[in-house]
Protein backbone atom coordinates (compact mmCIF):
# COMPACT_ATOMS: atom_id res chain seq x y z
CA UNK A 1 -67.63 -52.36 7.23
CA UNK A 2 -66.72 -48.65 8.28
CA UNK A 3 -69.53 -46.75 9.78
CA UNK A 4 -70.98 -43.55 8.05
CA UNK A 5 -71.41 -40.30 9.60
CA UNK A 6 -74.69 -38.80 9.75
CA UNK A 7 -74.00 -35.32 8.49
CA UNK A 8 -77.63 -34.10 7.82
CA UNK A 9 -77.49 -30.17 9.01
CA UNK A 10 -74.99 -28.16 10.71
CA UNK A 11 -74.41 -28.32 14.30
CA UNK A 12 -73.29 -24.72 14.67
CA UNK A 13 -70.79 -25.93 17.34
CA UNK A 14 -68.33 -23.34 18.57
CA UNK A 15 -65.66 -26.26 18.60
CA UNK A 16 -64.36 -25.56 15.08
CA UNK A 17 -62.25 -22.39 15.10
CA UNK A 18 -59.29 -23.07 12.51
CA UNK A 19 -58.69 -25.47 9.60
CA UNK A 20 -55.39 -26.33 8.12
CA UNK A 21 -55.45 -27.46 4.80
CA UNK A 22 -52.64 -29.19 2.54
CA UNK A 23 -52.42 -27.99 -1.03
CA UNK A 24 -51.66 -30.70 -3.57
CA UNK A 25 -54.49 -33.27 -3.94
CA UNK A 26 -56.71 -30.89 -1.32
CA UNK A 27 -56.90 -27.47 -2.82
CA UNK A 28 -55.60 -28.39 -6.17
CA UNK A 29 -55.83 -31.61 -8.27
CA UNK A 30 -52.19 -31.56 -9.14
CA UNK A 31 -51.12 -35.29 -8.86
CA UNK A 32 -51.24 -35.96 -12.50
CA UNK A 33 -48.86 -32.99 -13.33
CA UNK A 34 -46.33 -33.82 -10.50
CA UNK A 35 -45.97 -37.24 -11.69
CA UNK A 36 -45.75 -35.93 -15.40
CA UNK A 37 -42.98 -33.43 -14.16
CA UNK A 38 -41.07 -35.81 -11.88
CA UNK A 39 -40.85 -38.28 -14.86
CA UNK A 40 -39.81 -35.85 -17.26
CA UNK A 41 -37.19 -34.44 -14.82
CA UNK A 42 -35.82 -37.90 -14.00
CA UNK A 43 -35.63 -38.65 -17.55
CA UNK A 44 -33.58 -35.64 -18.36
CA UNK A 45 -30.95 -36.57 -15.85
CA UNK A 46 -30.67 -40.09 -17.07
CA UNK A 47 -33.49 -42.06 -15.14
CA UNK A 48 -36.06 -42.73 -17.75
CA UNK A 49 -37.30 -46.11 -16.45
CA UNK A 50 -38.49 -45.31 -13.00
CA UNK A 51 -41.44 -47.77 -12.47
CA UNK A 52 -44.96 -46.17 -11.86
CA UNK A 53 -45.02 -47.74 -8.41
CA UNK A 54 -41.79 -45.74 -7.39
CA UNK A 55 -43.36 -42.30 -8.58
CA UNK A 56 -46.20 -43.23 -5.92
CA UNK A 57 -43.69 -41.66 -3.41
CA UNK A 58 -43.80 -38.17 -4.76
CA UNK A 59 -47.73 -38.06 -4.16
CA UNK A 60 -47.28 -38.70 -0.27
CA UNK A 61 -46.59 -35.07 1.01
CA UNK A 62 -42.76 -35.21 0.82
CA UNK A 63 -40.56 -32.42 0.73
CA UNK A 64 -38.90 -32.07 -2.67
CA UNK A 65 -35.28 -32.60 -1.08
CA UNK A 66 -36.61 -35.80 0.33
CA UNK A 67 -38.11 -36.79 -3.08
CA UNK A 68 -34.78 -36.13 -4.54
CA UNK A 69 -32.65 -38.11 -2.20
CA UNK A 70 -35.21 -40.98 -2.57
CA UNK A 71 -34.48 -41.19 -6.14
CA UNK A 72 -30.88 -40.02 -6.37
CA UNK A 73 -29.20 -40.77 -3.07
CA UNK A 74 -27.23 -38.42 -0.77
CA UNK A 75 -26.14 -35.34 -2.57
CA UNK A 76 -24.97 -31.90 -1.34
CA UNK A 77 -27.48 -29.25 -0.49
CA UNK A 78 -26.26 -27.00 -3.34
CA UNK A 79 -26.69 -29.85 -6.04
CA UNK A 80 -30.15 -30.70 -4.61
CA UNK A 81 -31.39 -27.05 -4.70
CA UNK A 82 -30.32 -26.65 -8.31
CA UNK A 83 -31.91 -30.03 -9.21
CA UNK A 84 -35.00 -28.99 -7.53
CA UNK A 85 -35.06 -25.77 -9.58
CA UNK A 86 -34.91 -27.65 -12.50
CA UNK A 87 -37.93 -30.06 -11.54
CA UNK A 88 -39.98 -26.88 -10.78
CA UNK A 89 -39.19 -25.44 -14.29
CA UNK A 90 -40.67 -28.36 -16.01
CA UNK A 91 -43.54 -28.16 -13.48
CA UNK A 92 -44.43 -24.65 -14.38
CA UNK A 93 -44.31 -25.31 -18.04
CA UNK A 94 -47.29 -28.15 -17.63
CA UNK A 95 -49.07 -26.30 -14.81
CA UNK A 96 -52.06 -25.67 -17.03
CA UNK A 97 -52.98 -29.37 -16.22
CA UNK A 98 -53.64 -28.34 -12.57
CA UNK A 99 -57.40 -27.31 -11.58
CA UNK A 100 -58.84 -26.92 -8.20
CA UNK A 101 -60.93 -29.73 -6.67
CA UNK A 102 -64.53 -29.40 -6.94
CA UNK A 103 -66.16 -27.22 -4.28
CA UNK A 104 -63.05 -25.81 -2.60
CA UNK A 105 -62.95 -22.24 -3.95
CA UNK A 106 -66.53 -22.10 -2.66
CA UNK A 107 -65.95 -23.65 0.81
CA UNK A 108 -62.45 -21.61 1.42
CA UNK A 109 -64.35 -18.34 0.80
CA UNK A 110 -67.36 -19.48 2.97
CA UNK A 111 -64.98 -20.36 5.92
CA UNK A 112 -63.04 -17.35 5.65
CA UNK A 113 -66.43 -15.10 5.56
CA UNK A 114 -67.57 -16.98 8.65
CA UNK A 115 -64.45 -16.08 10.62
CA UNK A 116 -62.80 -19.62 10.53
CA UNK A 117 -59.00 -19.21 10.86
CA UNK A 118 -57.33 -20.81 7.82
CA UNK A 119 -53.94 -22.08 7.38
CA UNK A 120 -51.97 -23.92 4.56
CA UNK A 121 -49.31 -26.68 5.57
CA UNK A 122 -47.74 -27.94 2.31
CA UNK A 123 -44.48 -29.45 1.35
CA UNK A 124 -44.43 -27.28 -1.99
CA UNK A 125 -42.14 -24.38 -2.07
CA UNK A 126 -43.43 -20.91 -0.49
CA UNK A 127 -43.30 -19.31 -4.20
CA UNK A 128 -45.55 -22.17 -5.63
CA UNK A 129 -47.81 -22.44 -2.64
CA UNK A 130 -48.38 -18.59 -2.76
CA UNK A 131 -48.81 -18.33 -6.50
CA UNK A 132 -51.29 -21.18 -6.75
CA UNK A 133 -53.34 -19.57 -3.81
CA UNK A 134 -53.08 -16.19 -5.87
CA UNK A 135 -54.27 -17.73 -9.08
CA UNK A 136 -57.10 -19.24 -7.37
CA UNK A 137 -58.22 -15.88 -5.73
CA UNK A 138 -57.64 -17.70 -2.26
CA UNK A 139 -54.44 -16.08 -0.89
CA UNK A 140 -56.36 -13.44 1.08
CA UNK A 141 -58.29 -16.17 2.85
CA UNK A 142 -55.35 -17.79 4.42
CA UNK A 143 -54.00 -16.23 7.71
CA UNK A 144 -50.73 -18.03 7.26
CA UNK A 145 -48.95 -20.41 4.68
CA UNK A 146 -46.35 -22.91 5.94
CA UNK A 147 -44.16 -24.67 3.60
CA UNK A 148 -41.54 -27.25 3.21
CA UNK A 149 -39.19 -24.46 3.39
CA UNK A 150 -40.09 -23.76 7.00
CA UNK A 151 -39.21 -27.15 8.28
CA UNK A 152 -36.19 -29.46 8.51
CA UNK A 153 -38.22 -32.53 8.23
CA UNK A 154 -41.17 -33.12 6.10
CA UNK A 155 -44.37 -34.93 6.46
CA UNK A 156 -45.13 -37.34 8.32
CA UNK A 157 -43.14 -35.35 11.07
CA UNK A 158 -45.69 -33.12 12.64
CA UNK A 159 -43.58 -29.88 12.63
CA UNK A 160 -45.46 -28.26 9.61
CA UNK A 161 -48.74 -28.71 11.22
CA UNK A 162 -47.52 -27.71 14.58
CA UNK A 163 -45.90 -24.53 13.25
CA UNK A 164 -49.55 -23.71 11.44
CA UNK A 165 -51.27 -24.49 14.65
CA UNK A 166 -48.97 -22.10 16.65
CA UNK A 167 -49.35 -19.19 14.07
CA UNK A 168 -53.18 -19.58 14.38
CA UNK A 169 -52.91 -19.45 18.00
CA UNK A 170 -55.78 -22.02 18.15
CA UNK A 171 -55.61 -24.95 20.49
CA UNK A 172 -55.35 -28.41 18.57
CA UNK A 173 -58.84 -29.53 19.92
CA UNK A 174 -60.46 -26.60 17.95
CA UNK A 175 -58.62 -27.30 14.80
CA UNK A 176 -59.31 -29.69 11.69
CA UNK A 177 -56.49 -30.94 9.08
CA UNK A 178 -57.48 -31.61 5.79
CA UNK A 179 -55.18 -33.92 3.93
CA UNK A 180 -55.16 -36.48 0.86
CA UNK A 181 -51.78 -38.54 1.88
CA UNK A 182 -51.04 -40.89 4.49
CA UNK A 183 -47.90 -38.97 5.58
CA UNK A 184 -49.91 -35.77 5.78
CA UNK A 185 -52.63 -37.40 7.99
CA UNK A 186 -50.01 -38.67 10.09
CA UNK A 187 -48.37 -35.33 10.39
CA UNK A 188 -51.70 -33.87 11.55
CA UNK A 189 -52.71 -36.35 13.92
CA UNK A 190 -48.94 -36.07 15.47
CA UNK A 191 -49.67 -32.41 16.14
CA UNK A 192 -52.79 -33.25 17.87
CA UNK A 193 -55.22 -32.37 15.25
CA UNK A 194 -58.28 -34.48 14.05
CA UNK A 195 -57.94 -34.84 10.36
CA UNK A 196 -60.40 -35.33 7.51
CA UNK A 197 -59.07 -37.08 4.45
CA UNK A 198 -59.82 -36.28 0.85
CA UNK A 199 -59.96 -39.27 -1.53
CA UNK A 200 -60.17 -37.73 -4.99
CA UNK A 201 -57.90 -40.22 -6.27
CA UNK A 202 -57.23 -42.70 -3.55
CA UNK A 203 -59.11 -45.25 -1.32
CA UNK A 204 -60.89 -43.55 1.61
CA UNK A 205 -59.86 -46.94 3.72
CA UNK A 206 -56.50 -46.19 3.22
CA UNK A 207 -56.75 -42.75 4.70
CA UNK A 208 -58.99 -44.02 7.57
CA UNK A 209 -56.25 -46.56 8.29
CA UNK A 210 -53.74 -43.50 8.64
CA UNK A 211 -55.97 -41.90 11.13
CA UNK A 212 -58.48 -39.89 9.22
CA UNK A 213 -61.57 -39.34 11.36
CA UNK A 214 -63.65 -38.68 8.13
CA UNK A 215 -62.90 -38.99 4.48
CA UNK A 216 -64.73 -37.14 1.57
CA UNK A 217 -64.20 -37.45 -2.26
CA UNK A 218 -64.14 -33.65 -2.89
CA UNK A 219 -65.67 -30.60 -1.40
CA UNK A 220 -68.94 -30.52 -3.55
CA UNK A 221 -71.40 -31.22 -0.62
CA UNK A 222 -69.19 -29.89 2.26
CA UNK A 223 -70.06 -26.77 4.36
CA UNK A 224 -68.91 -25.21 7.50
CA UNK A 225 -71.67 -27.28 9.27
CA UNK A 226 -70.53 -30.32 7.67
CA UNK A 227 -66.99 -29.68 9.12
CA UNK A 228 -68.35 -28.64 12.44
CA UNK A 229 -70.11 -32.04 12.63
CA UNK A 230 -67.00 -34.04 11.64
CA UNK A 231 -64.76 -32.39 14.55
CA UNK A 232 -67.31 -32.82 16.94
CA UNK A 233 -68.33 -36.40 16.30
CA UNK A 234 -64.67 -37.33 15.51
CA UNK A 235 -63.71 -35.98 19.07
CA UNK A 236 -65.70 -38.55 20.71
CA UNK A 237 -63.54 -41.30 22.17
CA UNK A 238 -63.93 -44.66 20.44
CA UNK A 239 -65.60 -43.50 17.15
CA UNK A 240 -64.09 -44.82 14.22
CA UNK A 241 -63.13 -43.27 10.92
CA UNK A 242 -66.20 -42.66 8.71
CA UNK A 243 -66.89 -42.02 4.89
CA UNK A 244 -68.82 -39.68 3.14
CA UNK A 245 -70.99 -40.22 -0.17
CA UNK A 246 -68.76 -41.52 -3.06
CA UNK A 247 -70.18 -41.77 -6.41
CA UNK A 248 -69.79 -45.27 -7.92
């Protein structure tokens, strides 16, 4: 049985200096919209019967080009870019279904006001990442935004987290990654970060198995002190991944 972390009260540790957030499934609950958009897109190009299990691939933090190649095979970059624009057009038409995760807007603002350096590391396009943060009123809280356009290899390659870490100019030991997907957690860990999982739609044990030091359902009860404690206790050698409180 997985241990539970005692998180009663903040530690006020100086250890936590920066946090790198993923976007889809962490800042915004966009998985249903993405699944719908990809199904509509694939249907529009003659692939209407992709199994639901195959669509799970799109929710694992992959770059858009990697997803297109997964479903359509090797294509020329020009064709991949055009197909990507078609998919994004469909997504924008249904974006009203996207909402922030509970507690995340309050938490991001709290962290920013406390002087914690924040970065976004998302496989999304730069335009969608920046517009999403702007619509939530959070763009000014992030020191840097790193997207799939900044790396040649998407998650689980650690490059996107390495770039975000370097732009923040904070050592990995003082950073915490926040991810909802197995590939994202592996990317953060590969860049030397401790990573907290967000299991709003997934099983906590799956994220712990990928290397998350702690898993929460959402950010309702998460504070700066909570995150400081997660990082401090997660940095102790031999400590297994822990889970927060999940409603039944």
